[in-house]
């Protein structure tokens, strides 16, 4: 057995992002692992694709700034029943807990990622862990949306990205009282009650019996 040790704070020797990244390489590696893959030049193209593909279904959306930037809730709601705790009107009517439960049992689940390695490993971090658990079981299909800024050359660099880029920005957005939210520079591996890095999930292959599609988008989306 090979033990992989990943530093939580130390910055990689080179940028964690993929330089001159070729989507063909990422796509091929994902497909070798059993994922379905679609590639789009813009977020709008990806949104239009999902709107065409998914009709007459119940859909759960994970907490995601990518989903917000693509305006997926409104687009998908035209022909589906969509549950998302990021939508203010729905949140006020049902409450976060009820929405998350409905999202967990929906026909389709859509999430973004905190990082994706060029080798095809999907990494997500969660506080309540509703999002990471929902990507593993119970749906007809799961989609992962990935902007090009989320892709890193190796698993180690992808994990570093999730901890030191995505997590601090999300903690700031949520108004958390954590060192990373206050300084916005890196993970401090804190023990704050507001810590959002409580669950770490790496998906190396689609869970058995769960169709999983990765949607690669050649734009920088969210963080």
Protein backbone atom coordinates (compact mmCIF):
# COMPACT_ATOMS: atom_id res chain seq x y z
CA UNK A 1 0.00 0.00 0.00
CA UNK A 2 1.29 3.46 -0.92
CA UNK A 3 0.77 6.18 1.66
CA UNK A 4 0.20 9.66 0.25
CA UNK A 5 1.11 12.51 2.56
CA UNK A 6 -0.42 15.87 1.75
CA UNK A 7 0.61 19.12 3.43
CA UNK A 8 -2.33 21.19 4.58
CA UNK A 9 -0.59 24.55 4.48
CA UNK A 10 2.68 24.49 2.58
CA UNK A 11 2.42 25.95 -0.88
CA UNK A 12 3.46 23.68 -3.77
CA UNK A 13 6.78 24.43 -5.40
CA UNK A 14 4.91 25.53 -8.51
CA UNK A 15 1.44 26.88 -9.09
CA UNK A 16 -1.31 24.39 -8.25
CA UNK A 17 -3.11 25.29 -11.44
CA UNK A 18 -2.50 23.46 -14.67
CA UNK A 19 -0.29 25.43 -17.03
CA UNK A 20 -1.23 25.16 -20.72
CA UNK A 21 -3.88 22.72 -19.58
CA UNK A 22 -5.25 20.43 -22.26
CA UNK A 23 -8.84 19.39 -21.63
CA UNK A 24 -8.28 16.32 -23.82
CA UNK A 25 -5.84 14.91 -21.26
CA UNK A 26 -8.20 15.55 -18.36
CA UNK A 27 -11.15 14.17 -20.32
CA UNK A 28 -9.28 10.99 -21.28
CA UNK A 29 -8.16 10.39 -17.69
CA UNK A 30 -11.68 10.88 -16.37
CA UNK A 31 -13.11 8.51 -18.97
CA UNK A 32 -10.51 5.87 -18.09
CA UNK A 33 -11.86 6.03 -14.54
CA UNK A 34 -15.42 5.46 -15.74
CA UNK A 35 -16.81 9.00 -15.70
CA UNK A 36 -18.88 10.42 -18.54
CA UNK A 37 -17.38 13.72 -19.69
CA UNK A 38 -18.68 16.68 -21.65
CA UNK A 39 -16.64 19.75 -22.58
CA UNK A 40 -17.87 23.29 -23.26
CA UNK A 41 -16.15 26.56 -24.08
CA UNK A 42 -18.45 28.68 -21.92
CA UNK A 43 -20.61 28.39 -18.86
CA UNK A 44 -23.63 29.41 -20.91
CA UNK A 45 -23.10 26.44 -23.23
CA UNK A 46 -22.87 24.13 -20.23
CA UNK A 47 -26.03 25.59 -18.71
CA UNK A 48 -27.94 25.22 -21.99
CA UNK A 49 -26.75 21.61 -22.25
CA UNK A 50 -28.00 20.73 -18.78
CA UNK A 51 -31.30 22.49 -19.43
CA UNK A 52 -31.81 20.37 -22.56
CA UNK A 53 -30.64 17.13 -20.95
CA UNK A 54 -32.69 17.25 -17.77
CA UNK A 55 -36.48 17.54 -17.99
CA UNK A 56 -39.30 16.28 -15.82
CA UNK A 57 -37.00 15.40 -12.92
CA UNK A 58 -36.47 16.39 -9.33
CA UNK A 59 -33.05 18.02 -8.98
CA UNK A 60 -30.89 18.76 -5.97
CA UNK A 61 -28.24 21.46 -6.19
CA UNK A 62 -25.22 21.57 -3.91
CA UNK A 63 -23.97 24.75 -2.29
CA UNK A 64 -21.91 26.22 -5.12
CA UNK A 65 -20.93 29.62 -6.45
CA UNK A 66 -20.48 28.02 -9.87
CA UNK A 67 -24.14 27.00 -9.83
CA UNK A 68 -25.06 30.55 -8.80
CA UNK A 69 -22.91 32.12 -11.52
CA UNK A 70 -24.51 29.88 -14.16
CA UNK A 71 -28.02 30.72 -12.89
CA UNK A 72 -28.85 27.03 -12.94
CA UNK A 73 -31.72 27.17 -10.49
CA UNK A 74 -33.88 29.37 -12.68
CA UNK A 75 -32.91 27.63 -15.93
CA UNK A 76 -33.58 24.13 -14.62
CA UNK A 77 -36.76 25.13 -12.78
CA UNK A 78 -38.55 25.73 -16.09
CA UNK A 79 -39.01 21.97 -16.63
CA UNK A 80 -38.03 20.38 -13.31
CA UNK A 81 -38.59 20.50 -9.57
CA UNK A 82 -35.38 21.99 -8.19
CA UNK A 83 -34.21 22.08 -4.57
CA UNK A 84 -31.43 24.49 -3.57
CA UNK A 85 -30.73 26.11 -0.24
CA UNK A 86 -28.93 28.89 -2.12
CA UNK A 87 -32.22 30.32 -3.43
CA UNK A 88 -33.55 32.94 -1.05
CA UNK A 89 -37.26 32.59 -1.80
CA UNK A 90 -37.21 28.81 -1.47
CA UNK A 91 -35.01 29.01 1.62
CA UNK A 92 -37.49 31.30 3.35
CA UNK A 93 -40.42 29.01 2.52
CA UNK A 94 -38.93 25.62 3.42
CA UNK A 95 -35.79 26.22 5.48
CA UNK A 96 -32.31 24.89 4.76
CA UNK A 97 -32.72 21.51 6.45
CA UNK A 98 -35.86 20.58 4.49
CA UNK A 99 -34.35 21.71 1.20
CA UNK A 100 -31.16 19.71 1.80
CA UNK A 101 -33.17 16.58 2.62
CA UNK A 102 -35.18 16.93 -0.58
CA UNK A 103 -31.99 17.53 -2.56
CA UNK A 104 -30.49 14.36 -1.08
CA UNK A 105 -33.34 12.23 -2.46
CA UNK A 106 -33.77 13.98 -5.82
CA UNK A 107 -33.53 12.12 -9.14
CA UNK A 108 -30.54 14.24 -10.19
CA UNK A 109 -27.84 15.94 -8.14
CA UNK A 110 -25.57 18.70 -9.42
CA UNK A 111 -22.46 19.99 -7.66
CA UNK A 112 -19.31 21.86 -8.47
CA UNK A 113 -15.89 20.79 -7.18
CA UNK A 114 -13.27 22.43 -5.02
CA UNK A 115 -10.56 20.86 -7.15
CA UNK A 116 -9.95 18.27 -9.85
CA UNK A 117 -6.59 16.67 -10.52
CA UNK A 118 -5.43 16.25 -14.10
CA UNK A 119 -5.44 12.51 -13.38
CA UNK A 120 -9.20 12.62 -12.76
CA UNK A 121 -9.53 12.73 -8.96
CA UNK A 122 -12.45 14.87 -7.73
CA UNK A 123 -11.94 16.68 -4.41
CA UNK A 124 -14.59 18.41 -2.32
CA UNK A 125 -14.63 19.88 1.18
CA UNK A 126 -17.80 20.37 3.20
CA UNK A 127 -18.98 21.73 6.53
CA UNK A 128 -22.43 20.15 6.95
CA UNK A 129 -21.38 17.41 4.53
CA UNK A 130 -24.76 17.35 2.81
CA UNK A 131 -23.08 18.17 -0.49
CA UNK A 132 -20.36 15.52 -0.40
CA UNK A 133 -22.70 12.81 0.85
CA UNK A 134 -25.25 13.61 -1.85
CA UNK A 135 -22.68 12.99 -4.59
CA UNK A 136 -22.18 9.37 -3.53
CA UNK A 137 -25.55 7.61 -3.47
CA UNK A 138 -29.27 7.71 -4.08
CA UNK A 139 -29.70 9.49 -7.42
CA UNK A 140 -30.21 8.47 -11.02
CA UNK A 141 -27.27 10.64 -12.00
CA UNK A 142 -24.77 13.10 -10.55
CA UNK A 143 -23.16 15.97 -12.47
CA UNK A 144 -19.96 17.75 -11.43
CA UNK A 145 -19.35 21.21 -12.93
CA UNK A 146 -15.69 22.15 -13.30
CA UNK A 147 -14.32 25.51 -14.40
CA UNK A 148 -10.76 25.43 -15.73
CA UNK A 149 -9.45 27.25 -12.66
CA UNK A 150 -10.36 24.22 -10.49
CA UNK A 151 -7.95 21.86 -12.28
CA UNK A 152 -4.53 21.09 -10.82
CA UNK A 153 -1.68 18.96 -12.15
CA UNK A 154 -1.59 16.36 -9.37
CA UNK A 155 -3.71 15.08 -6.51
CA UNK A 156 -1.44 16.83 -4.00
CA UNK A 157 -1.80 20.18 -5.76
CA UNK A 158 -5.55 19.71 -6.13
CA UNK A 159 -5.87 18.98 -2.41
CA UNK A 160 -3.75 22.04 -1.66
CA UNK A 161 -6.01 24.12 -3.87
CA UNK A 162 -9.16 22.94 -2.12
CA UNK A 163 -7.72 23.71 1.32
CA UNK A 164 -5.87 26.95 0.63
CA UNK A 165 -7.83 28.65 -2.16
CA UNK A 166 -11.42 27.41 -2.21
CA UNK A 167 -12.01 26.89 1.52
CA UNK A 168 -10.80 30.32 2.75
CA UNK A 169 -12.86 32.11 0.10
CA UNK A 170 -15.95 30.09 1.01
CA UNK A 171 -15.38 30.79 4.71
CA UNK A 172 -15.18 34.51 3.92
CA UNK A 173 -18.34 34.36 1.80
CA UNK A 174 -20.23 32.64 4.62
CA UNK A 175 -18.99 35.11 7.22
CA UNK A 176 -17.27 32.49 9.34
CA UNK A 177 -15.14 33.37 12.35
CA UNK A 178 -12.03 31.46 11.31
CA UNK A 179 -8.40 32.48 10.72
CA UNK A 180 -8.68 31.69 7.01
CA UNK A 181 -11.77 33.88 6.66
CA UNK A 182 -10.13 36.79 8.48
CA UNK A 183 -6.89 36.66 6.51
CA UNK A 184 -8.05 35.00 3.31
CA UNK A 185 -4.62 33.62 2.54
CA UNK A 186 -4.44 29.92 3.48
CA UNK A 187 -5.76 27.11 5.64
CA UNK A 188 -4.74 27.29 9.30
CA UNK A 189 -6.09 23.82 10.20
CA UNK A 190 -8.01 25.54 12.98
CA UNK A 191 -10.33 24.17 15.65
CA UNK A 192 -12.87 26.98 15.37
CA UNK A 193 -16.56 26.09 15.84
CA UNK A 194 -17.07 27.84 12.49
CA UNK A 195 -14.57 25.64 10.65
CA UNK A 196 -16.05 24.55 7.30
CA UNK A 197 -13.35 21.96 6.54
CA UNK A 198 -15.10 19.10 8.34
CA UNK A 199 -15.55 16.55 5.59
CA UNK A 200 -13.03 15.73 2.85
CA UNK A 201 -14.08 13.62 -0.11
CA UNK A 202 -11.99 12.31 -2.97
CA UNK A 203 -13.88 10.45 -5.69
CA UNK A 204 -11.52 8.36 -7.79
CA UNK A 205 -14.19 6.49 -9.76
CA UNK A 206 -17.98 6.78 -9.98
CA UNK A 207 -19.69 4.97 -7.10
CA UNK A 208 -21.05 1.56 -8.14
CA UNK A 209 -24.41 1.91 -9.86
CA UNK A 210 -24.33 5.71 -9.98
CA UNK A 211 -23.97 7.39 -13.36
CA UNK A 212 -21.61 10.32 -12.92
CA UNK A 213 -20.80 13.00 -15.48
CA UNK A 214 -18.08 15.63 -15.26
CA UNK A 215 -18.83 18.84 -17.16
CA UNK A 216 -15.58 20.61 -18.06
CA UNK A 217 -15.92 24.32 -18.82
CA UNK A 218 -13.13 26.32 -20.46
CA UNK A 219 -13.80 29.38 -18.31
CA UNK A 220 -12.80 30.38 -14.82
CA UNK A 221 -15.83 29.91 -12.60
CA UNK A 222 -16.17 30.83 -8.93
CA UNK A 223 -13.29 29.69 -6.74
